[in-house]
Amino acid sequence: MMNSRMSQDIHTPNGKAENIHLTPAQRLHFDVYGYVLLENVLTSDEVERMKQALYRLKAEPDLDAHRVYVNKRGEHMFHVGHVVEYDQALLEYASHPRLTPLVKEIVGGAIRLEESEAIINRRDPQLIPATDAYRRTLPTGFHTGTRHGWGTYMSNQHFHCLFVKTLAYLTNVGPDDGGTAVIPGSHRLGWKERDIIDAALSDESLIYQVEAKAGSVLLFAESLVHSTTAVRSDRERVVLISGYTPPMMREWPGNEISPDFVATLPADIRPLISGSDSWHWRHDDA
């Protein structure tokens, strides 16, 4: 589904963070497909600092000491959550001034960090890339984080979602490197999730697998059906993910920010990271 891809620079008039917004073409792409790929967001220095922080985290002998949780830690998959408190570079991604304004645009008002995760993965050595059985492992688990109708709304003819994610590619991701798979347009469907997945799996043209250069960021609605994809190459994939909601919504369990960490935060990002604005939601008339 090649026409479902949109990869452009972010529109940054005058270089001011408060003026950063999606271009009309990017906004249309997001409204229609539920995601947009943003290129040239992270500098090579930012990518390297974030990637090195994650590799240090992966090598930690006692992850519990760093207030992170592990979804999977094996030979080919390291999936860890609540990384925002681990390293300054990871905090900078969660509060990135070229990304949070775009998330606010999709949510439709003030936001808070809902979760911070990272994945370092490579090909599962138990799977043989040339076989049909391996092909059927792609994608590895379609899901959503909210659903159209109770986690989304329309305002001034634009689509909005109350749960939005940014996924940073810290390595180049080609067709065999485990790019995120999405079912374009599923973010606006009231179908049962299982019915959407089964229909798409019966016709691969309905599934789009993202390819991206390191430093690119995938901005997507959590009502979009999406999945991690198995790696078929011998390269390792590294991604960093932040989830956002309006401030009155809860963080994902395990992502509670410690009071000591909140106290170290600059005042301008403290509400974003801690969710301290609570029910005082500043809703934009977008």
C-alpha atoms as a PDB file:
ATOM      1  CA  MET A   1       0.000   0.000   0.000  1.00  0.00           C
ATOM      2  CA  MET A   2       2.549   2.522  -1.191  1.00  0.00           C
ATOM      3  CA  ASN A   3       0.116   5.425  -1.349  1.00  0.00           C
ATOM      4  CA  SER A   4      -0.437   5.208   2.399  1.00  0.00           C
ATOM      5  CA  ARG A   5       3.034   6.505   3.179  1.00  0.00           C
ATOM      6  CA  MET A   6       3.786  10.117   3.953  1.00  0.00           C
ATOM      7  CA  SER A   7       7.313  11.050   5.019  1.00  0.00           C
ATOM      8  CA  GLN A   8       8.089  14.737   5.260  1.00  0.00           C
ATOM      9  CA  ASP A   9       9.955  17.163   7.449  1.00  0.00           C
ATOM     10  CA  ILE A  10       8.026  18.831  10.260  1.00  0.00           C
ATOM     11  CA  HIS A  11       6.809  22.325   9.470  1.00  0.00           C
ATOM     12  CA  THR A  12       8.804  24.630  11.765  1.00  0.00           C
ATOM     13  CA  PRO A  13       8.186  28.280  10.853  1.00  0.00           C
ATOM     14  CA  ASN A  14      10.809  30.594  12.374  1.00  0.00           C
ATOM     15  CA  GLY A  15      12.255  27.587  14.228  1.00  0.00           C
ATOM     16  CA  LYS A  16      10.010  28.283  17.231  1.00  0.00           C
ATOM     17  CA  ALA A  17       8.654  25.295  19.118  1.00  0.00           C
ATOM     18  CA  GLU A  18       5.282  26.964  19.696  1.00  0.00           C
ATOM     19  CA  ASN A  19       4.778  27.215  15.927  1.00  0.00           C
ATOM     20  CA  ILE A  20       5.575  23.603  15.114  1.00  0.00           C
ATOM     21  CA  HIS A  21       2.668  21.818  13.483  1.00  0.00           C
ATOM     22  CA  LEU A  22       1.836  19.234  10.882  1.00  0.00           C
ATOM     23  CA  THR A  23       1.654  20.447   7.307  1.00  0.00           C
ATOM     24  CA  PRO A  24      -1.819  20.256   5.688  1.00  0.00           C
ATOM     25  CA  ALA A  25      -0.624  17.216   3.709  1.00  0.00           C
ATOM     26  CA  GLN A  26       0.635  15.494   6.868  1.00  0.00           C
ATOM     27  CA  ARG A  27      -2.608  16.281   8.719  1.00  0.00           C
ATOM     28  CA  LEU A  28      -4.664  14.887   5.856  1.00  0.00           C
ATOM     29  CA  HIS A  29      -2.488  11.773   5.795  1.00  0.00           C
ATOM     30  CA  PHE A  30      -2.965  11.295   9.533  1.00  0.00           C
ATOM     31  CA  ASP A  31      -6.733  11.838   9.333  1.00  0.00           C
ATOM     32  CA  VAL A  32      -7.063   9.320   6.489  1.00  0.00           C
ATOM     33  CA  TYR A  33      -4.567   6.639   7.560  1.00  0.00           C
ATOM     34  CA  GLY A  34      -4.051   7.125  11.323  1.00  0.00           C
ATOM     35  CA  TYR A  35      -0.298   7.706  11.200  1.00  0.00           C
ATOM     36  CA  VAL A  36       2.396   9.807   9.564  1.00  0.00           C
ATOM     37  CA  LEU A  37       6.134   9.191   9.257  1.00  0.00           C
ATOM     38  CA  LEU A  38       8.207  12.263  10.148  1.00  0.00           C
ATOM     39  CA  GLU A  39      11.746  12.394   8.807  1.00  0.00           C
ATOM     40  CA  ASN A  40      14.697  14.512   9.993  1.00  0.00           C
ATOM     41  CA  VAL A  41      13.263  14.902  13.497  1.00  0.00           C
ATOM     42  CA  LEU A  42      16.183  13.656  15.587  1.00  0.00           C
ATOM     43  CA  THR A  43      19.767  14.709  14.963  1.00  0.00           C
ATOM     44  CA  SER A  44      22.501  12.094  14.604  1.00  0.00           C
ATOM     45  CA  ASP A  45      23.812  13.150  18.027  1.00  0.00           C
ATOM     46  CA  GLU A  46      20.384  12.668  19.625  1.00  0.00           C
ATOM     47  CA  VAL A  47      20.002   9.266  17.982  1.00  0.00           C
ATOM     48  CA  GLU A  48      23.402   8.134  19.223  1.00  0.00           C
ATOM     49  CA  ARG A  49      22.831   9.359  22.792  1.00  0.00           C
ATOM     50  CA  MET A  50      19.435   7.683  23.003  1.00  0.00           C
ATOM     51  CA  LYS A  51      20.711   4.450  21.505  1.00  0.00           C
ATOM     52  CA  GLN A  52      23.727   4.281  23.840  1.00  0.00           C
ATOM     53  CA  ALA A  53      21.476   4.924  26.833  1.00  0.00           C
ATOM     54  CA  LEU A  54      19.283   1.984  25.837  1.00  0.00           C
ATOM     55  CA  TYR A  55      22.247  -0.326  25.333  1.00  0.00           C
ATOM     56  CA  ARG A  56      23.532   0.644  28.794  1.00  0.00           C
ATOM     57  CA  LEU A  57      20.099  -0.115  30.201  1.00  0.00           C
ATOM     58  CA  LYS A  58      20.006  -3.474  28.458  1.00  0.00           C
ATOM     59  CA  ALA A  59      23.368  -4.361  30.040  1.00  0.00           C
ATOM     60  CA  GLU A  60      22.280  -3.445  33.587  1.00  0.00           C
ATOM     61  CA  PRO A  61      22.497  -6.521  35.840  1.00  0.00           C
ATOM     62  CA  ASP A  62      19.730  -5.283  38.173  1.00  0.00           C
ATOM     63  CA  LEU A  63      16.964  -3.576  36.213  1.00  0.00           C
ATOM     64  CA  ASP A  64      14.695  -3.355  39.268  1.00  0.00           C
ATOM     65  CA  ALA A  65      17.135  -0.871  40.764  1.00  0.00           C
ATOM     66  CA  HIS A  66      16.347   1.541  37.942  1.00  0.00           C
ATOM     67  CA  ARG A  67      12.543   1.482  38.294  1.00  0.00           C
ATOM     68  CA  VAL A  68      11.988  -0.018  34.862  1.00  0.00           C
ATOM     69  CA  TYR A  69       9.890  -3.054  34.008  1.00  0.00           C
ATOM     70  CA  VAL A  70      10.718  -5.702  31.440  1.00  0.00           C
ATOM     71  CA  ASN A  71       8.127  -7.166  29.099  1.00  0.00           C
ATOM     72  CA  LYS A  72      10.650  -9.486  27.516  1.00  0.00           C
ATOM     73  CA  ARG A  73      14.371 -10.025  27.977  1.00  0.00           C
ATOM     74  CA  GLY A  74      15.817 -12.791  25.833  1.00  0.00           C
ATOM     75  CA  GLU A  75      18.501 -13.474  23.293  1.00  0.00           C
ATOM     76  CA  HIS A  76      16.658 -11.762  20.435  1.00  0.00           C
ATOM     77  CA  MET A  77      14.202  -9.413  22.195  1.00  0.00           C
ATOM     78  CA  PHE A  78      14.628  -6.773  24.906  1.00  0.00           C
ATOM     79  CA  HIS A  79      11.403  -4.869  25.574  1.00  0.00           C
ATOM     80  CA  VAL A  80      11.536  -2.514  28.534  1.00  0.00           C
ATOM     81  CA  GLY A  81       9.178   0.104  29.986  1.00  0.00           C
ATOM     82  CA  HIS A  82       9.312   3.245  32.110  1.00  0.00           C
ATOM     83  CA  VAL A  83      12.661   4.309  30.698  1.00  0.00           C
ATOM     84  CA  VAL A  84      12.115   8.056  31.109  1.00  0.00           C
ATOM     85  CA  GLU A  85      13.809   8.174  34.520  1.00  0.00           C
ATOM     86  CA  TYR A  86      16.882   6.212  33.442  1.00  0.00           C
ATOM     87  CA  ASP A  87      18.830   8.725  31.345  1.00  0.00           C
ATOM     88  CA  GLN A  88      18.648  12.389  30.361  1.00  0.00           C
ATOM     89  CA  ALA A  89      18.601  11.507  26.662  1.00  0.00           C
ATOM     90  CA  LEU A  90      15.450   9.414  27.155  1.00  0.00           C
ATOM     91  CA  LEU A  91      13.775  12.217  29.098  1.00  0.00           C
ATOM     92  CA  GLU A  92      14.654  14.605  26.279  1.00  0.00           C
ATOM     93  CA  TYR A  93      12.898  12.354  23.804  1.00  0.00           C
ATOM     94  CA  ALA A  94       9.732  12.160  25.914  1.00  0.00           C
ATOM     95  CA  SER A  95       9.631  15.979  26.116  1.00  0.00           C
ATOM     96  CA  HIS A  96      11.061  16.691  22.660  1.00  0.00           C
ATOM     97  CA  PRO A  97      10.056  20.220  21.521  1.00  0.00           C
ATOM     98  CA  ARG A  98       9.698  19.130  17.890  1.00  0.00           C
ATOM     99  CA  LEU A  99       7.337  16.286  18.756  1.00  0.00           C
ATOM    100  CA  THR A 100       5.137  17.210  21.713  1.00  0.00           C
ATOM    101  CA  PRO A 101       3.408  20.051  19.802  1.00  0.00           C
ATOM    102  CA  LEU A 102       2.412  17.531  17.121  1.00  0.00           C
ATOM    103  CA  VAL A 103       1.042  15.150  19.737  1.00  0.00           C
ATOM    104  CA  LYS A 104      -0.984  18.013  21.239  1.00  0.00           C
ATOM    105  CA  GLU A 105      -2.360  18.726  17.780  1.00  0.00           C
ATOM    106  CA  ILE A 106      -3.659  15.156  17.479  1.00  0.00           C
ATOM    107  CA  VAL A 107      -4.900  14.841  21.076  1.00  0.00           C
ATOM    108  CA  GLY A 108      -6.502  18.259  20.789  1.00  0.00           C
ATOM    109  CA  GLY A 109      -5.123  19.922  23.900  1.00  0.00           C
ATOM    110  CA  ALA A 110      -2.625  19.636  26.745  1.00  0.00           C
ATOM    111  CA  ILE A 111      -0.949  16.256  27.188  1.00  0.00           C
ATOM    112  CA  ARG A 112       0.871  14.150  29.760  1.00  0.00           C
ATOM    113  CA  LEU A 113       3.354  11.302  29.321  1.00  0.00           C
ATOM    114  CA  GLU A 114       1.436   8.044  29.585  1.00  0.00           C
ATOM    115  CA  GLU A 115       4.285   5.578  29.072  1.00  0.00           C
ATOM    116  CA  SER A 116       7.881   5.326  27.862  1.00  0.00           C
ATOM    117  CA  GLU A 117       9.200   2.128  26.326  1.00  0.00           C
ATOM    118  CA  ALA A 118      12.025   0.811  24.181  1.00  0.00           C
ATOM    119  CA  ILE A 119      12.638  -2.281  22.088  1.00  0.00           C
ATOM    120  CA  ILE A 120      15.966  -3.743  20.980  1.00  0.00           C
ATOM    121  CA  ASN A 121      15.350  -6.802  18.846  1.00  0.00           C
ATOM    122  CA  ARG A 122      16.819  -8.956  16.115  1.00  0.00           C
ATOM    123  CA  ARG A 123      15.901 -12.095  14.223  1.00  0.00           C
ATOM    124  CA  ASP A 124      14.625 -14.989  16.298  1.00  0.00           C
ATOM    125  CA  PRO A 125      17.214 -17.718  15.627  1.00  0.00           C
ATOM    126  CA  GLN A 126      14.536 -20.404  15.974  1.00  0.00           C
ATOM    127  CA  LEU A 127      12.684 -19.116  12.911  1.00  0.00           C
ATOM    128  CA  ILE A 128      13.848 -19.765   9.358  1.00  0.00           C
ATOM    129  CA  PRO A 129      13.299 -16.700   7.149  1.00  0.00           C
ATOM    130  CA  ALA A 130      12.798 -18.649   3.927  1.00  0.00           C
ATOM    131  CA  THR A 131       9.813 -20.673   5.133  1.00  0.00           C
ATOM    132  CA  ASP A 132       6.096 -19.912   4.859  1.00  0.00           C
ATOM    133  CA  ALA A 133       5.823 -20.532   8.599  1.00  0.00           C
ATOM    134  CA  TYR A 134       8.173 -17.608   9.218  1.00  0.00           C
ATOM    135  CA  ARG A 135       6.174 -15.382   6.908  1.00  0.00           C
ATOM    136  CA  ARG A 136       3.072 -16.086   8.975  1.00  0.00           C
ATOM    137  CA  THR A 137       4.812 -14.692  12.068  1.00  0.00           C
ATOM    138  CA  LEU A 138       4.665 -11.252  10.454  1.00  0.00           C
ATOM    139  CA  PRO A 139       3.264  -9.198  12.131  1.00  0.00           C
ATOM    140  CA  THR A 140       3.719 -10.601  15.613  1.00  0.00           C
ATOM    141  CA  GLY A 141       0.700  -9.233  17.447  1.00  0.00           C
ATOM    142  CA  PHE A 142      -1.783  -6.682  16.089  1.00  0.00           C
ATOM    143  CA  HIS A 143      -3.450  -4.595  18.794  1.00  0.00           C
ATOM    144  CA  THR A 144      -4.797  -1.161  19.736  1.00  0.00           C
ATOM    145  CA  GLY A 145      -4.536   0.938  22.884  1.00  0.00           C
ATOM    146  CA  THR A 146      -7.936   2.596  22.501  1.00  0.00           C
ATOM    147  CA  ARG A 147     -10.839   2.237  20.099  1.00  0.00           C
ATOM    148  CA  HIS A 148     -12.652   4.516  17.702  1.00  0.00           C
ATOM    149  CA  GLY A 149     -15.789   5.970  19.258  1.00  0.00           C
ATOM    150  CA  TRP A 150     -14.694   6.058  22.888  1.00  0.00           C
ATOM    151  CA  GLY A 151     -11.046   7.028  22.518  1.00  0.00           C
ATOM    152  CA  THR A 152     -11.423   9.317  19.508  1.00  0.00           C
ATOM    153  CA  TYR A 153     -13.476  12.322  18.479  1.00  0.00           C
ATOM    154  CA  MET A 154     -13.914  14.826  15.660  1.00  0.00           C
ATOM    155  CA  SER A 155     -13.382  18.567  16.075  1.00  0.00           C
ATOM    156  CA  ASN A 156     -13.583  21.105  13.256  1.00  0.00           C
ATOM    157  CA  GLN A 157     -13.609  18.172  10.822  1.00  0.00           C
ATOM    158  CA  HIS A 158     -10.260  16.831  12.063  1.00  0.00           C
ATOM    159  CA  PHE A 159      -9.695  13.423  13.642  1.00  0.00           C
ATOM    160  CA  HIS A 160      -8.404  13.407  17.232  1.00  0.00           C
ATOM    161  CA  CYS A 161      -7.326  10.579  19.497  1.00  0.00           C
ATOM    162  CA  LEU A 162      -6.942  10.632  23.282  1.00  0.00           C
ATOM    163  CA  PHE A 163      -4.007   8.209  23.172  1.00  0.00           C
ATOM    164  CA  VAL A 164      -1.158   8.992  20.775  1.00  0.00           C
ATOM    165  CA  LYS A 165       2.346   7.583  20.406  1.00  0.00           C
ATOM    166  CA  THR A 166       5.644   8.632  18.897  1.00  0.00           C
ATOM    167  CA  LEU A 167       8.007   5.852  17.859  1.00  0.00           C
ATOM    168  CA  ALA A 168      11.601   6.887  17.136  1.00  0.00           C
ATOM    169  CA  TYR A 169      13.745   4.775  14.835  1.00  0.00           C
ATOM    170  CA  LEU A 170      17.277   4.746  16.249  1.00  0.00           C
ATOM    171  CA  THR A 171      18.503   2.394  13.517  1.00  0.00           C
ATOM    172  CA  ASN A 172      17.708   2.233   9.820  1.00  0.00           C
ATOM    173  CA  VAL A 173      14.745  -0.044   9.188  1.00  0.00           C
ATOM    174  CA  GLY A 174      14.368  -1.608   5.752  1.00  0.00           C
ATOM    175  CA  PRO A 175      11.848  -4.178   4.484  1.00  0.00           C
ATOM    176  CA  ASP A 176      13.452  -7.068   6.437  1.00  0.00           C
ATOM    177  CA  ASP A 177      14.368  -5.147   9.608  1.00  0.00           C
ATOM    178  CA  GLY A 178      11.160  -5.415  11.620  1.00  0.00           C
ATOM    179  CA  GLY A 179       9.434  -2.151  10.787  1.00  0.00           C
ATOM    180  CA  THR A 180       6.124  -1.476  12.562  1.00  0.00           C
ATOM    181  CA  ALA A 181       3.132  -2.871  10.672  1.00  0.00           C
ATOM    182  CA  VAL A 182      -0.160  -0.953  10.548  1.00  0.00           C
ATOM    183  CA  ILE A 183      -3.592  -1.423   9.029  1.00  0.00           C
ATOM    184  CA  PRO A 184      -4.098   2.026   7.455  1.00  0.00           C
ATOM    185  CA  GLY A 185      -7.501   3.560   8.124  1.00  0.00           C
ATOM    186  CA  SER A 186      -8.337   1.183  10.964  1.00  0.00           C
ATOM    187  CA  HIS A 187      -8.136   4.071  13.455  1.00  0.00           C
ATOM    188  CA  ARG A 188     -11.611   5.209  12.360  1.00  0.00           C
ATOM    189  CA  LEU A 189     -13.371   1.852  12.194  1.00  0.00           C
ATOM    190  CA  GLY A 190     -16.047   0.672  14.576  1.00  0.00           C
ATOM    191  CA  TRP A 191     -15.492  -2.950  13.587  1.00  0.00           C
ATOM    192  CA  LYS A 192     -14.513  -5.469  16.214  1.00  0.00           C
ATOM    193  CA  GLU A 193     -10.729  -5.435  16.442  1.00  0.00           C
ATOM    194  CA  ARG A 194     -10.461  -9.160  15.690  1.00  0.00           C
ATOM    195  CA  ASP A 195     -12.542  -8.743  12.538  1.00  0.00           C
ATOM    196  CA  ILE A 196     -10.245  -5.970  11.286  1.00  0.00           C
ATOM    197  CA  ILE A 197      -7.151  -8.090  11.931  1.00  0.00           C
ATOM    198  CA  ASP A 198      -8.581 -11.221  10.305  1.00  0.00           C
ATOM    199  CA  ALA A 199      -9.689  -9.287   7.219  1.00  0.00           C
ATOM    200  CA  ALA A 200      -6.263  -7.650   6.810  1.00  0.00           C
ATOM    201  CA  LEU A 201      -4.379 -10.908   7.307  1.00  0.00           C
ATOM    202  CA  SER A 202      -6.422 -12.440   4.492  1.00  0.00           C
ATOM    203  CA  ASP A 203      -5.157  -9.751   2.072  1.00  0.00           C
ATOM    204  CA  GLU A 204      -1.622  -8.450   2.680  1.00  0.00           C
ATOM    205  CA  SER A 205      -2.283  -5.347   0.553  1.00  0.00           C
ATOM    206  CA  LEU A 206      -4.277  -4.036   3.520  1.00  0.00           C
ATOM    207  CA  ILE A 207      -1.174  -4.083   5.751  1.00  0.00           C
ATOM    208  CA  TYR A 208       1.603  -1.490   5.520  1.00  0.00           C
ATOM    209  CA  GLN A 209       5.049  -2.114   7.017  1.00  0.00           C
ATOM    210  CA  VAL A 210       6.959   1.054   7.827  1.00  0.00           C
ATOM    211  CA  GLU A 211      10.488   1.579   6.513  1.00  0.00           C
ATOM    212  CA  ALA A 212      12.487   4.464   7.957  1.00  0.00           C
ATOM    213  CA  LYS A 213      15.908   6.001   8.406  1.00  0.00           C
ATOM    214  CA  ALA A 214      17.429   6.462  11.859  1.00  0.00           C
ATOM    215  CA  GLY A 215      16.153   9.757  13.277  1.00  0.00           C
ATOM    216  CA  SER A 216      12.677   9.360  11.783  1.00  0.00           C
ATOM    217  CA  VAL A 217       9.617   9.233  14.040  1.00  0.00           C
ATOM    218  CA  LEU A 218       6.284   7.498  13.482  1.00  0.00           C
ATOM    219  CA  LEU A 219       3.395   9.521  14.910  1.00  0.00           C
ATOM    220  CA  PHE A 220       0.243   7.426  15.249  1.00  0.00           C
ATOM    221  CA  ALA A 221      -3.107   7.110  16.981  1.00  0.00           C
ATOM    222  CA  GLU A 222      -3.504   4.204  19.387  1.00  0.00           C
ATOM    223  CA  SER A 223      -6.877   3.438  17.783  1.00  0.00           C
ATOM    224  CA  LEU A 224      -4.833   2.377  14.732  1.00  0.00           C
ATOM    225  CA  VAL A 225      -4.372  -1.399  14.599  1.00  0.00           C
ATOM    226  CA  HIS A 226      -0.604  -1.919  14.678  1.00  0.00           C
ATOM    227  CA  SER A 227       2.050  -4.500  15.480  1.00  0.00           C
ATOM    228  CA  THR A 228       5.717  -5.155  15.998  1.00  0.00           C
ATOM    229  CA  THR A 229       7.077  -7.126  13.043  1.00  0.00           C
ATOM    230  CA  ALA A 230       9.567  -9.982  13.196  1.00  0.00           C
ATOM    231  CA  VAL A 231      13.079  -9.187  11.966  1.00  0.00           C
ATOM    232  CA  ARG A 232      14.191 -11.236   8.959  1.00  0.00           C
ATOM    233  CA  SER A 233      17.635  -9.682   8.420  1.00  0.00           C
ATOM    234  CA  ASP A 234      20.793 -10.036  10.513  1.00  0.00           C
ATOM    235  CA  ARG A 235      20.533  -6.416  11.658  1.00  0.00           C
ATOM    236  CA  GLU A 236      19.349  -5.234  15.073  1.00  0.00           C
ATOM    237  CA  ARG A 237      16.450  -2.810  15.429  1.00  0.00           C
ATOM    238  CA  VAL A 238      16.305  -0.175  18.168  1.00  0.00           C
ATOM    239  CA  VAL A 239      13.174   1.913  18.767  1.00  0.00           C
ATOM    240  CA  LEU A 240      12.160   4.340  21.508  1.00  0.00           C
ATOM    241  CA  ILE A 241       8.458   4.923  22.195  1.00  0.00           C
ATOM    242  CA  SER A 242       6.522   7.542  24.140  1.00  0.00           C
ATOM    243  CA  GLY A 243       2.765   7.455  24.745  1.00  0.00           C
ATOM    244  CA  TYR A 244       0.648  10.518  25.554  1.00  0.00           C
ATOM    245  CA  THR A 245      -2.878  11.236  26.761  1.00  0.00           C
ATOM    246  CA  PRO A 246      -4.762  14.236  28.169  1.00  0.00           C
ATOM    247  CA  PRO A 247      -3.523  14.941  31.723  1.00  0.00           C
ATOM    248  CA  MET A 248      -6.657  13.658  33.464  1.00  0.00           C
ATOM    249  CA  MET A 249      -6.021  10.134  32.156  1.00  0.00           C
ATOM    250  CA  ARG A 250      -3.863   7.662  34.073  1.00  0.00           C
ATOM    251  CA  GLU A 251      -0.379   6.526  33.158  1.00  0.00           C
ATOM    252  CA  TRP A 252       0.105   2.916  32.098  1.00  0.00           C
ATOM    253  CA  PRO A 253       0.751   0.767  35.207  1.00  0.00           C
ATOM    254  CA  GLY A 254       4.442   0.725  35.974  1.00  0.00           C
ATOM    255  CA  ASN A 255       4.994   4.177  34.459  1.00  0.00           C
ATOM    256  CA  GLU A 256       4.233   6.151  37.615  1.00  0.00           C
ATOM    257  CA  ILE A 257       6.800   8.939  37.965  1.00  0.00           C
ATOM    258  CA  SER A 258       8.632   8.983  41.288  1.00  0.00           C
ATOM    259  CA  PRO A 259       8.278  12.160  43.382  1.00  0.00           C
ATOM    260  CA  ASP A 260      12.051  12.480  43.666  1.00  0.00           C
ATOM    261  CA  PHE A 261      12.354  12.496  39.873  1.00  0.00           C
ATOM    262  CA  VAL A 262       9.533  15.033  39.498  1.00  0.00           C
ATOM    263  CA  ALA A 263      11.395  17.350  41.846  1.00  0.00           C
ATOM    264  CA  THR A 264      14.399  17.384  39.491  1.00  0.00           C
ATOM    265  CA  LEU A 265      12.374  18.355  36.407  1.00  0.00           C
ATOM    266  CA  PRO A 266      12.408  21.867  34.933  1.00  0.00           C
ATOM    267  CA  ALA A 267       9.134  23.665  35.576  1.00  0.00           C
ATOM    268  CA  ASP A 268       8.266  23.870  31.880  1.00  0.00           C
ATOM    269  CA  ILE A 269       8.116  20.081  31.392  1.00  0.00           C
ATOM    270  CA  ARG A 270       7.016  18.991  34.866  1.00  0.00           C
ATOM    271  CA  PRO A 271       3.276  18.843  34.002  1.00  0.00           C
ATOM    272  CA  LEU A 272       4.026  16.917  30.804  1.00  0.00           C
ATOM    273  CA  ILE A 273       6.053  14.226  32.560  1.00  0.00           C
ATOM    274  CA  SER A 274       4.104  13.982  35.824  1.00  0.00           C
ATOM    275  CA  GLY A 275       0.543  14.634  34.634  1.00  0.00           C
ATOM    276  CA  SER A 276       0.151  17.190  37.401  1.00  0.00           C
ATOM    277  CA  ASP A 277      -2.409  19.277  35.471  1.00  0.00           C
ATOM    278  CA  SER A 278      -4.875  16.459  36.173  1.00  0.00           C
ATOM    279  CA  TRP A 279      -8.463  17.462  35.320  1.00  0.00           C
ATOM    280  CA  HIS A 280      -7.563  21.012  34.334  1.00  0.00           C
ATOM    281  CA  TRP A 281      -7.433  20.083  30.648  1.00  0.00           C
ATOM    282  CA  ARG A 282      -6.675  22.906  28.261  1.00  0.00           C
ATOM    283  CA  HIS A 283      -8.618  21.760  25.206  1.00  0.00           C
ATOM    284  CA  ASP A 284      -7.729  23.389  21.894  1.00  0.00           C
ATOM    285  CA  ASP A 285     -10.477  24.281  19.471  1.00  0.00           C
ATOM    286  CA  ALA A 286      -8.545  22.477  16.710  1.00  0.00           C
END
